[in-house]
PDB file of all heavy atoms in Angstrom:
ATOM      1  N   LEU A   1       0.880  -1.179   0.012  1.00  0.00           N
ATOM      2  CA  LEU A   1       0.017  -0.001  -0.021  1.00  0.00           C
ATOM      3  C   LEU A   1       0.902   1.247   0.027  1.00  0.00           C
ATOM      4  O   LEU A   1       0.594   2.209  -0.748  1.00  0.00           O
ATOM      5  CB  LEU A   1      -0.912  -0.023   1.188  1.00  0.00           C
ATOM      6  CG  LEU A   1      -2.130  -1.000   1.179  1.00  0.00           C
ATOM      7  CD1 LEU A   1      -2.882  -1.057   2.458  1.00  0.00           C
ATOM      8  CD2 LEU A   1      -3.065  -0.607  -0.010  1.00  0.00           C
ATOM      9  N   ALA A   2       1.977   1.231   0.748  1.00  0.00           N
ATOM     10  CA  ALA A   2       2.830   2.374   0.804  1.00  0.00           C
ATOM     11  C   ALA A   2       3.516   2.611  -0.581  1.00  0.00           C
ATOM     12  O   ALA A   2       3.623   3.727  -0.976  1.00  0.00           O
ATOM     13  CB  ALA A   2       3.977   2.122   1.871  1.00  0.00           C
ATOM     14  N   VAL A   3       3.918   1.474  -1.151  1.00  0.00           N
ATOM     15  CA  VAL A   3       4.591   1.564  -2.515  1.00  0.00           C
ATOM     16  C   VAL A   3       3.594   2.162  -3.537  1.00  0.00           C
ATOM     17  O   VAL A   3       3.964   2.887  -4.437  1.00  0.00           O
ATOM     18  CB  VAL A   3       5.140   0.196  -2.959  1.00  0.00           C
ATOM     19  CG1 VAL A   3       5.552   0.126  -4.442  1.00  0.00           C
ATOM     20  CG2 VAL A   3       6.266  -0.190  -2.069  1.00  0.00           C
ATOM     21  N   GLN A   4       2.243   1.820  -3.380  1.00  0.00           N
ATOM     22  CA  GLN A   4       1.335   2.270  -4.316  1.00  0.00           C
ATOM     23  C   GLN A   4       0.835   3.705  -3.986  1.00  0.00           C
ATOM     24  O   GLN A   4      -0.059   4.251  -4.662  1.00  0.00           O
ATOM     25  CB  GLN A   4       0.071   1.332  -4.254  1.00  0.00           C
ATOM     26  CG  GLN A   4       0.359  -0.081  -4.747  1.00  0.00           C
ATOM     27  CD  GLN A   4      -0.782  -1.065  -4.375  1.00  0.00           C
ATOM     28  OE1 GLN A   4      -1.814  -0.692  -3.836  1.00  0.00           O
ATOM     29  NE2 GLN A   4      -0.527  -2.298  -4.617  1.00  0.00           N
ATOM     30  N   GLY A   5       1.409   4.315  -3.022  1.00  0.00           N
ATOM     31  CA  GLY A   5       1.104   5.743  -2.677  1.00  0.00           C
ATOM     32  C   GLY A   5       0.030   5.911  -1.673  1.00  0.00           C
ATOM     33  O   GLY A   5      -0.414   7.073  -1.478  1.00  0.00           O
ATOM     34  N   HIS A   6      -0.379   4.849  -0.991  1.00  0.00           N
ATOM     35  CA  HIS A   6      -1.462   5.030   0.034  1.00  0.00           C
ATOM     36  C   HIS A   6      -0.755   5.361   1.334  1.00  0.00           C
ATOM     37  O   HIS A   6      -0.277   4.485   2.056  1.00  0.00           O
ATOM     38  CB  HIS A   6      -2.233   3.797   0.143  1.00  0.00           C
ATOM     39  CG  HIS A   6      -2.982   3.393  -1.083  1.00  0.00           C
ATOM     40  ND1 HIS A   6      -4.151   4.130  -1.454  1.00  0.00           N
ATOM     41  CD2 HIS A   6      -2.844   2.421  -1.932  1.00  0.00           C
ATOM     42  CE1 HIS A   6      -4.577   3.593  -2.582  1.00  0.00           C
ATOM     43  NE2 HIS A   6      -3.820   2.567  -2.889  1.00  0.00           N
ATOM     44  N   SER A   7      -0.710   6.695   1.661  1.00  0.00           N
ATOM     45  CA  SER A   7       0.065   7.052   2.849  1.00  0.00           C
ATOM     46  C   SER A   7      -0.785   7.108   4.064  1.00  0.00           C
ATOM     47  O   SER A   7      -0.335   7.350   5.232  1.00  0.00           O
ATOM     48  CB  SER A   7       0.707   8.371   2.658  1.00  0.00           C
ATOM     49  OG  SER A   7      -0.287   9.382   2.274  1.00  0.00           O
ATOM     50  N   HIS A   8      -2.102   7.016   3.892  1.00  0.00           N
ATOM     51  CA  HIS A   8      -3.097   7.075   5.030  1.00  0.00           C
ATOM     52  C   HIS A   8      -3.933   5.846   4.995  1.00  0.00           C
ATOM     53  O   HIS A   8      -4.689   5.646   3.978  1.00  0.00           O
ATOM     54  CB  HIS A   8      -3.962   8.351   4.884  1.00  0.00           C
ATOM     55  CG  HIS A   8      -4.855   8.570   6.009  1.00  0.00           C
ATOM     56  ND1 HIS A   8      -5.874   9.523   5.907  1.00  0.00           N
ATOM     57  CD2 HIS A   8      -4.997   7.945   7.194  1.00  0.00           C
ATOM     58  CE1 HIS A   8      -6.640   9.440   7.058  1.00  0.00           C
ATOM     59  NE2 HIS A   8      -6.072   8.517   7.860  1.00  0.00           N
ATOM     60  N   ILE A   9      -3.871   5.048   6.019  1.00  0.00           N
ATOM     61  CA  ILE A   9      -4.747   3.848   6.105  1.00  0.00           C
ATOM     62  C   ILE A   9      -5.634   4.011   7.300  1.00  0.00           C
ATOM     63  O   ILE A   9      -5.273   4.426   8.388  1.00  0.00           O
ATOM     64  CB  ILE A   9      -3.841   2.588   6.306  1.00  0.00           C
ATOM     65  CG1 ILE A   9      -2.909   2.461   5.082  1.00  0.00           C
ATOM     66  CG2 ILE A   9      -4.643   1.352   6.512  1.00  0.00           C
ATOM     67  CD1 ILE A   9      -1.787   1.430   5.239  1.00  0.00           C
ATOM     68  N   GLU A  10      -6.932   3.690   7.065  1.00  0.00           N
ATOM     69  CA  GLU A  10      -7.895   3.614   8.198  1.00  0.00           C
ATOM     70  C   GLU A  10      -8.395   2.228   8.340  1.00  0.00           C
ATOM     71  O   GLU A  10      -8.884   1.595   7.350  1.00  0.00           O
ATOM     72  CB  GLU A  10      -9.092   4.575   7.829  1.00  0.00           C
ATOM     73  CG  GLU A  10      -8.725   6.000   7.827  1.00  0.00           C
ATOM     74  CD  GLU A  10      -9.889   6.925   7.545  1.00  0.00           C
ATOM     75  OE1 GLU A  10     -10.584   6.640   6.499  1.00  0.00           O
ATOM     76  OE2 GLU A  10     -10.115   7.910   8.288  1.00  0.00           O
ATOM     77  N   PHE A  11      -8.168   1.623   9.507  1.00  0.00           N
ATOM     78  CA  PHE A  11      -8.743   0.394   9.937  1.00  0.00           C
ATOM     79  C   PHE A  11      -9.995   0.666  10.664  1.00  0.00           C
ATOM     80  O   PHE A  11     -10.119   1.676  11.422  1.00  0.00           O
ATOM     81  CB  PHE A  11      -7.798  -0.362  10.854  1.00  0.00           C
ATOM     82  CG  PHE A  11      -6.574  -0.954  10.218  1.00  0.00           C
ATOM     83  CD1 PHE A  11      -5.395  -0.250  10.181  1.00  0.00           C
ATOM     84  CD2 PHE A  11      -6.564  -2.193   9.571  1.00  0.00           C
ATOM     85  CE1 PHE A  11      -4.240  -0.797   9.602  1.00  0.00           C
ATOM     86  CE2 PHE A  11      -5.501  -2.680   8.949  1.00  0.00           C
ATOM     87  CZ  PHE A  11      -4.319  -2.030   8.947  1.00  0.00           C
ATOM     88  N   VAL A  12     -11.066  -0.115  10.461  1.00  0.00           N
ATOM     89  CA  VAL A  12     -12.341   0.099  11.005  1.00  0.00           C
ATOM     90  C   VAL A  12     -12.784  -1.199  11.763  1.00  0.00           C
ATOM     91  O   VAL A  12     -12.797  -2.306  11.272  1.00  0.00           O
ATOM     92  CB  VAL A  12     -13.404   0.348   9.936  1.00  0.00           C
ATOM     93  CG1 VAL A  12     -14.762   0.763  10.591  1.00  0.00           C
ATOM     94  CG2 VAL A  12     -12.959   1.424   9.028  1.00  0.00           C
ATOM     95  N   ILE A  13     -13.118  -0.919  13.084  1.00  0.00           N
ATOM     96  CA  ILE A  13     -13.690  -2.005  13.911  1.00  0.00           C
ATOM     97  C   ILE A  13     -15.044  -1.652  14.354  1.00  0.00           C
ATOM     98  O   ILE A  13     -15.287  -0.576  14.984  1.00  0.00           O
ATOM     99  CB  ILE A  13     -12.779  -2.211  15.184  1.00  0.00           C
ATOM    100  CG1 ILE A  13     -11.312  -2.472  14.778  1.00  0.00           C
ATOM    101  CG2 ILE A  13     -13.337  -3.362  16.061  1.00  0.00           C
ATOM    102  CD1 ILE A  13     -10.372  -2.431  15.993  1.00  0.00           C
ATOM    103  N   GLY A  14     -16.037  -2.462  14.017  1.00  0.00           N
ATOM    104  CA  GLY A  14     -17.438  -2.124  14.398  1.00  0.00           C
ATOM    105  C   GLY A  14     -17.770  -2.508  15.795  1.00  0.00           C
ATOM    106  O   GLY A  14     -16.899  -2.875  16.583  1.00  0.00           O
ATOM    107  N   ASP A  15     -19.020  -2.437  16.078  1.00  0.00           N
ATOM    108  CA  ASP A  15     -19.541  -2.780  17.422  1.00  0.00           C
ATOM    109  C   ASP A  15     -19.645  -4.277  17.578  1.00  0.00           C
ATOM    110  O   ASP A  15     -19.139  -5.040  16.783  1.00  0.00           O
ATOM    111  CB  ASP A  15     -20.807  -2.039  17.738  1.00  0.00           C
ATOM    112  CG  ASP A  15     -21.993  -2.455  16.778  1.00  0.00           C
ATOM    113  OD1 ASP A  15     -21.891  -3.590  16.148  1.00  0.00           O
ATOM    114  OD2 ASP A  15     -23.030  -1.787  16.792  1.00  0.00           O
ATOM    115  N   ALA A  16     -20.269  -4.759  18.616  1.00  0.00           N
ATOM    116  CA  ALA A  16     -20.391  -6.141  18.952  1.00  0.00           C
ATOM    117  C   ALA A  16     -21.067  -6.910  17.796  1.00  0.00           C
ATOM    118  O   ALA A  16     -20.921  -8.153  17.706  1.00  0.00           O
ATOM    119  CB  ALA A  16     -21.102  -6.346  20.270  1.00  0.00           C
ATOM    120  N   HIS A  17     -21.858  -6.229  16.997  1.00  0.00           N
ATOM    121  CA  HIS A  17     -22.548  -6.949  15.867  1.00  0.00           C
ATOM    122  C   HIS A  17     -21.763  -6.820  14.548  1.00  0.00           C
ATOM    123  O   HIS A  17     -22.291  -7.181  13.465  1.00  0.00           O
ATOM    124  CB  HIS A  17     -23.926  -6.353  15.713  1.00  0.00           C
ATOM    125  CG  HIS A  17     -24.772  -6.469  16.963  1.00  0.00           C
ATOM    126  ND1 HIS A  17     -25.196  -7.660  17.465  1.00  0.00           N
ATOM    127  CD2 HIS A  17     -25.127  -5.514  17.869  1.00  0.00           C
ATOM    128  CE1 HIS A  17     -25.851  -7.437  18.597  1.00  0.00           C
ATOM    129  NE2 HIS A  17     -25.802  -6.192  18.870  1.00  0.00           N
ATOM    130  N   GLY A  18     -20.618  -6.290  14.603  1.00  0.00           N
ATOM    131  CA  GLY A  18     -19.799  -6.064  13.339  1.00  0.00           C
ATOM    132  C   GLY A  18     -20.167  -4.797  12.640  1.00  0.00           C
ATOM    133  O   GLY A  18     -20.660  -3.861  13.166  1.00  0.00           O
ATOM    134  N   LEU A  19     -19.882  -4.802  11.347  1.00  0.00           N
ATOM    135  CA  LEU A  19     -20.099  -3.612  10.484  1.00  0.00           C
ATOM    136  C   LEU A  19     -21.191  -3.910   9.499  1.00  0.00           C
ATOM    137  O   LEU A  19     -21.307  -5.053   8.923  1.00  0.00           O
ATOM    138  CB  LEU A  19     -18.850  -3.247   9.700  1.00  0.00           C
ATOM    139  CG  LEU A  19     -17.687  -2.739  10.571  1.00  0.00           C
ATOM    140  CD1 LEU A  19     -16.315  -2.800   9.803  1.00  0.00           C
ATOM    141  CD2 LEU A  19     -17.939  -1.371  11.155  1.00  0.00           C
ATOM    142  N   GLU A  20     -22.054  -2.920   9.203  1.00  0.00           N
ATOM    143  CA  GLU A  20     -23.109  -3.079   8.288  1.00  0.00           C
ATOM    144  C   GLU A  20     -22.601  -3.162   6.878  1.00  0.00           C
ATOM    145  O   GLU A  20     -21.522  -2.609   6.592  1.00  0.00           O
ATOM    146  CB  GLU A  20     -24.174  -1.926   8.404  1.00  0.00           C
ATOM    147  CG  GLU A  20     -25.020  -1.923   9.674  1.00  0.00           C
ATOM    148  CD  GLU A  20     -24.336  -1.125  10.796  1.00  0.00           C
ATOM    149  OE1 GLU A  20     -23.259  -0.587  10.600  1.00  0.00           O
ATOM    150  OE2 GLU A  20     -24.901  -1.126  11.882  1.00  0.00           O
ATOM    151  N   ASP A  21     -23.390  -3.688   5.949  1.00  0.00           N
ATOM    152  CA  ASP A  21     -22.965  -3.860   4.569  1.00  0.00           C
ATOM    153  C   ASP A  21     -22.542  -2.582   3.975  1.00  0.00           C
ATOM    154  O   ASP A  21     -21.520  -2.518   3.222  1.00  0.00           O
ATOM    155  CB  ASP A  21     -24.049  -4.527   3.759  1.00  0.00           C
ATOM    156  CG  ASP A  21     -24.186  -6.083   3.996  1.00  0.00           C
ATOM    157  OD1 ASP A  21     -23.181  -6.675   4.549  1.00  0.00           O
ATOM    158  OD2 ASP A  21     -25.225  -6.601   3.676  1.00  0.00           O
ATOM    159  N   HIS A  22     -23.270  -1.485   4.117  1.00  0.00           N
ATOM    160  CA  HIS A  22     -22.861  -0.194   3.528  1.00  0.00           C
ATOM    161  C   HIS A  22     -21.518   0.288   3.971  1.00  0.00           C
ATOM    162  O   HIS A  22     -20.835   0.937   3.192  1.00  0.00           O
ATOM    163  CB  HIS A  22     -23.961   0.829   3.621  1.00  0.00           C
ATOM    164  CG  HIS A  22     -24.222   1.356   5.030  1.00  0.00           C
ATOM    165  ND1 HIS A  22     -24.864   0.593   6.038  1.00  0.00           N
ATOM    166  CD2 HIS A  22     -23.778   2.453   5.672  1.00  0.00           C
ATOM    167  CE1 HIS A  22     -24.814   1.357   7.144  1.00  0.00           C
ATOM    168  NE2 HIS A  22     -24.197   2.479   6.943  1.00  0.00           N
ATOM    169  N   ILE A  23     -21.148  -0.001   5.136  1.00  0.00           N
ATOM    170  CA  ILE A  23     -19.835   0.378   5.631  1.00  0.00           C
ATOM    171  C   ILE A  23     -18.801  -0.496   5.095  1.00  0.00           C
ATOM    172  O   ILE A  23     -17.772  -0.042   4.584  1.00  0.00           O
ATOM    173  CB  ILE A  23     -19.765   0.382   7.190  1.00  0.00           C
ATOM    174  CG1 ILE A  23     -20.721   1.355   7.803  1.00  0.00           C
ATOM    175  CG2 ILE A  23     -18.370   0.666   7.691  1.00  0.00           C
ATOM    176  CD1 ILE A  23     -20.926   1.288   9.290  1.00  0.00           C
ATOM    177  N   LEU A  24     -19.072  -1.847   5.034  1.00  0.00           N
ATOM    178  CA  LEU A  24     -18.079  -2.781   4.388  1.00  0.00           C
ATOM    179  C   LEU A  24     -17.863  -2.463   2.917  1.00  0.00           C
ATOM    180  O   LEU A  24     -16.737  -2.462   2.444  1.00  0.00           O
ATOM    181  CB  LEU A  24     -18.649  -4.219   4.535  1.00  0.00           C
ATOM    182  CG  LEU A  24     -18.628  -4.780   5.931  1.00  0.00           C
ATOM    183  CD1 LEU A  24     -19.358  -6.096   6.028  1.00  0.00           C
ATOM    184  CD2 LEU A  24     -17.212  -4.915   6.506  1.00  0.00           C
ATOM    185  N   GLN A  25     -18.913  -2.019   2.192  1.00  0.00           N
ATOM    186  CA  GLN A  25     -18.826  -1.663   0.788  1.00  0.00           C
ATOM    187  C   GLN A  25     -18.027  -0.402   0.579  1.00  0.00           C
ATOM    188  O   GLN A  25     -17.412  -0.211  -0.488  1.00  0.00           O
ATOM    189  CB  GLN A  25     -20.184  -1.578   0.213  1.00  0.00           C
ATOM    190  CG  GLN A  25     -20.883  -2.929   0.099  1.00  0.00           C
ATOM    191  CD  GLN A  25     -22.330  -2.800  -0.359  1.00  0.00           C
ATOM    192  OE1 GLN A  25     -22.830  -1.716  -0.627  1.00  0.00           O
ATOM    193  NE2 GLN A  25     -23.015  -3.949  -0.340  1.00  0.00           N
ATOM    194  N   ALA A  26     -18.005   0.460   1.575  1.00  0.00           N
ATOM    195  CA  ALA A  26     -17.220   1.741   1.506  1.00  0.00           C
ATOM    196  C   ALA A  26     -15.688   1.455   1.749  1.00  0.00           C
ATOM    197  O   ALA A  26     -14.899   2.343   1.437  1.00  0.00           O
ATOM    198  CB  ALA A  26     -17.700   2.739   2.492  1.00  0.00           C
ATOM    199  N   CYS A  27     -15.369   0.269   2.231  1.00  0.00           N
ATOM    200  CA  CYS A  27     -13.966  -0.017   2.443  1.00  0.00           C
ATOM    201  C   CYS A  27     -13.329  -0.662   1.243  1.00  0.00           C
ATOM    202  O   CYS A  27     -13.945  -1.332   0.418  1.00  0.00           O
ATOM    203  CB  CYS A  27     -13.862  -0.997   3.620  1.00  0.00           C
ATOM    204  SG  CYS A  27     -14.353  -0.212   5.198  1.00  0.00           S
ATOM    205  N   HIS A  28     -11.994  -0.525   1.131  1.00  0.00           N
ATOM    206  CA  HIS A  28     -11.201  -1.023   0.038  1.00  0.00           C
ATOM    207  C   HIS A  28     -10.844  -2.511   0.246  1.00  0.00           C
ATOM    208  O   HIS A  28     -10.485  -3.203  -0.716  1.00  0.00           O
ATOM    209  CB  HIS A  28      -9.997  -0.215  -0.229  1.00  0.00           C
ATOM    210  CG  HIS A  28     -10.295   1.206  -0.583  1.00  0.00           C
ATOM    211  ND1 HIS A  28     -10.179   2.190   0.416  1.00  0.00           N
ATOM    212  CD2 HIS A  28     -10.745   1.765  -1.642  1.00  0.00           C
ATOM    213  CE1 HIS A  28     -10.628   3.381  -0.125  1.00  0.00           C
ATOM    214  NE2 HIS A  28     -10.838   3.164  -1.330  1.00  0.00           N
ATOM    215  N   GLY A  29     -10.836  -2.971   1.471  1.00  0.00           N
ATOM    216  CA  GLY A  29     -10.483  -4.256   1.778  1.00  0.00           C
ATOM    217  C   GLY A  29     -11.012  -4.704   3.148  1.00  0.00           C
ATOM    218  O   GLY A  29     -11.520  -3.847   3.945  1.00  0.00           O
ATOM    219  N   ARG A  30     -10.999  -6.010   3.378  1.00  0.00           N
ATOM    220  CA  ARG A  30     -11.479  -6.571   4.610  1.00  0.00           C
ATOM    221  C   ARG A  30     -10.516  -7.622   5.063  1.00  0.00           C
ATOM    222  O   ARG A  30     -10.064  -8.477   4.231  1.00  0.00           O
ATOM    223  CB  ARG A  30     -12.850  -7.238   4.434  1.00  0.00           C
ATOM    224  CG  ARG A  30     -13.886  -6.356   3.956  1.00  0.00           C
ATOM    225  CD  ARG A  30     -15.206  -7.141   3.755  1.00  0.00           C
ATOM    226  NE  ARG A  30     -16.161  -6.402   2.919  1.00  0.00           N
ATOM    227  CZ  ARG A  30     -17.271  -6.869   2.532  1.00  0.00           C
ATOM    228  NH1 ARG A  30     -17.719  -8.027   2.948  1.00  0.00           N
ATOM    229  NH2 ARG A  30     -18.085  -6.119   1.750  1.00  0.00           N
ATOM    230  N   ILE A  31     -10.150  -7.594   6.347  1.00  0.00           N
ATOM    231  CA  ILE A  31      -9.295  -8.635   6.885  1.00  0.00           C
ATOM    232  C   ILE A  31      -9.972  -9.221   8.087  1.00  0.00           C
ATOM    233  O   ILE A  31     -10.761  -8.601   8.789  1.00  0.00           O
ATOM    234  CB  ILE A  31      -7.864  -8.177   7.219  1.00  0.00           C
ATOM    235  CG1 ILE A  31      -7.913  -7.096   8.264  1.00  0.00           C
ATOM    236  CG2 ILE A  31      -7.179  -7.662   5.958  1.00  0.00           C
ATOM    237  CD1 ILE A  31      -6.539  -6.764   8.876  1.00  0.00           C
ATOM    238  N   SER A  32      -9.612 -10.545   8.410  1.00  0.00           N
ATOM    239  CA  SER A  32     -10.074 -11.229   9.582  1.00  0.00           C
ATOM    240  C   SER A  32      -8.843 -11.452  10.386  1.00  0.00           C
ATOM    241  O   SER A  32      -7.872 -11.975   9.898  1.00  0.00           O
ATOM    242  CB  SER A  32     -10.776 -12.523   9.180  1.00  0.00           C
ATOM    243  OG  SER A  32     -10.992 -13.331  10.286  1.00  0.00           O
ATOM    244  N   LEU A  33      -8.918 -11.116  11.714  1.00  0.00           N
ATOM    245  CA  LEU A  33      -7.790 -11.386  12.573  1.00  0.00           C
ATOM    246  C   LEU A  33      -7.699 -12.872  12.904  1.00  0.00           C
ATOM    247  O   LEU A  33      -6.628 -13.319  13.268  1.00  0.00           O
ATOM    248  CB  LEU A  33      -7.994 -10.532  13.834  1.00  0.00           C
ATOM    249  CG  LEU A  33      -7.883  -9.040  13.688  1.00  0.00           C
ATOM    250  CD1 LEU A  33      -8.120  -8.341  14.978  1.00  0.00           C
ATOM    251  CD2 LEU A  33      -6.519  -8.599  13.128  1.00  0.00           C
TER     252      LEU A  33
END
């Protein structure tokens, strides 16, 4: 990501029920810990 010029990364952690679909769709990627 740094090589591609992405100097600002935002990780998003939802509430106890996770993140709604519209928030997930606004993200560029999803990871599972």
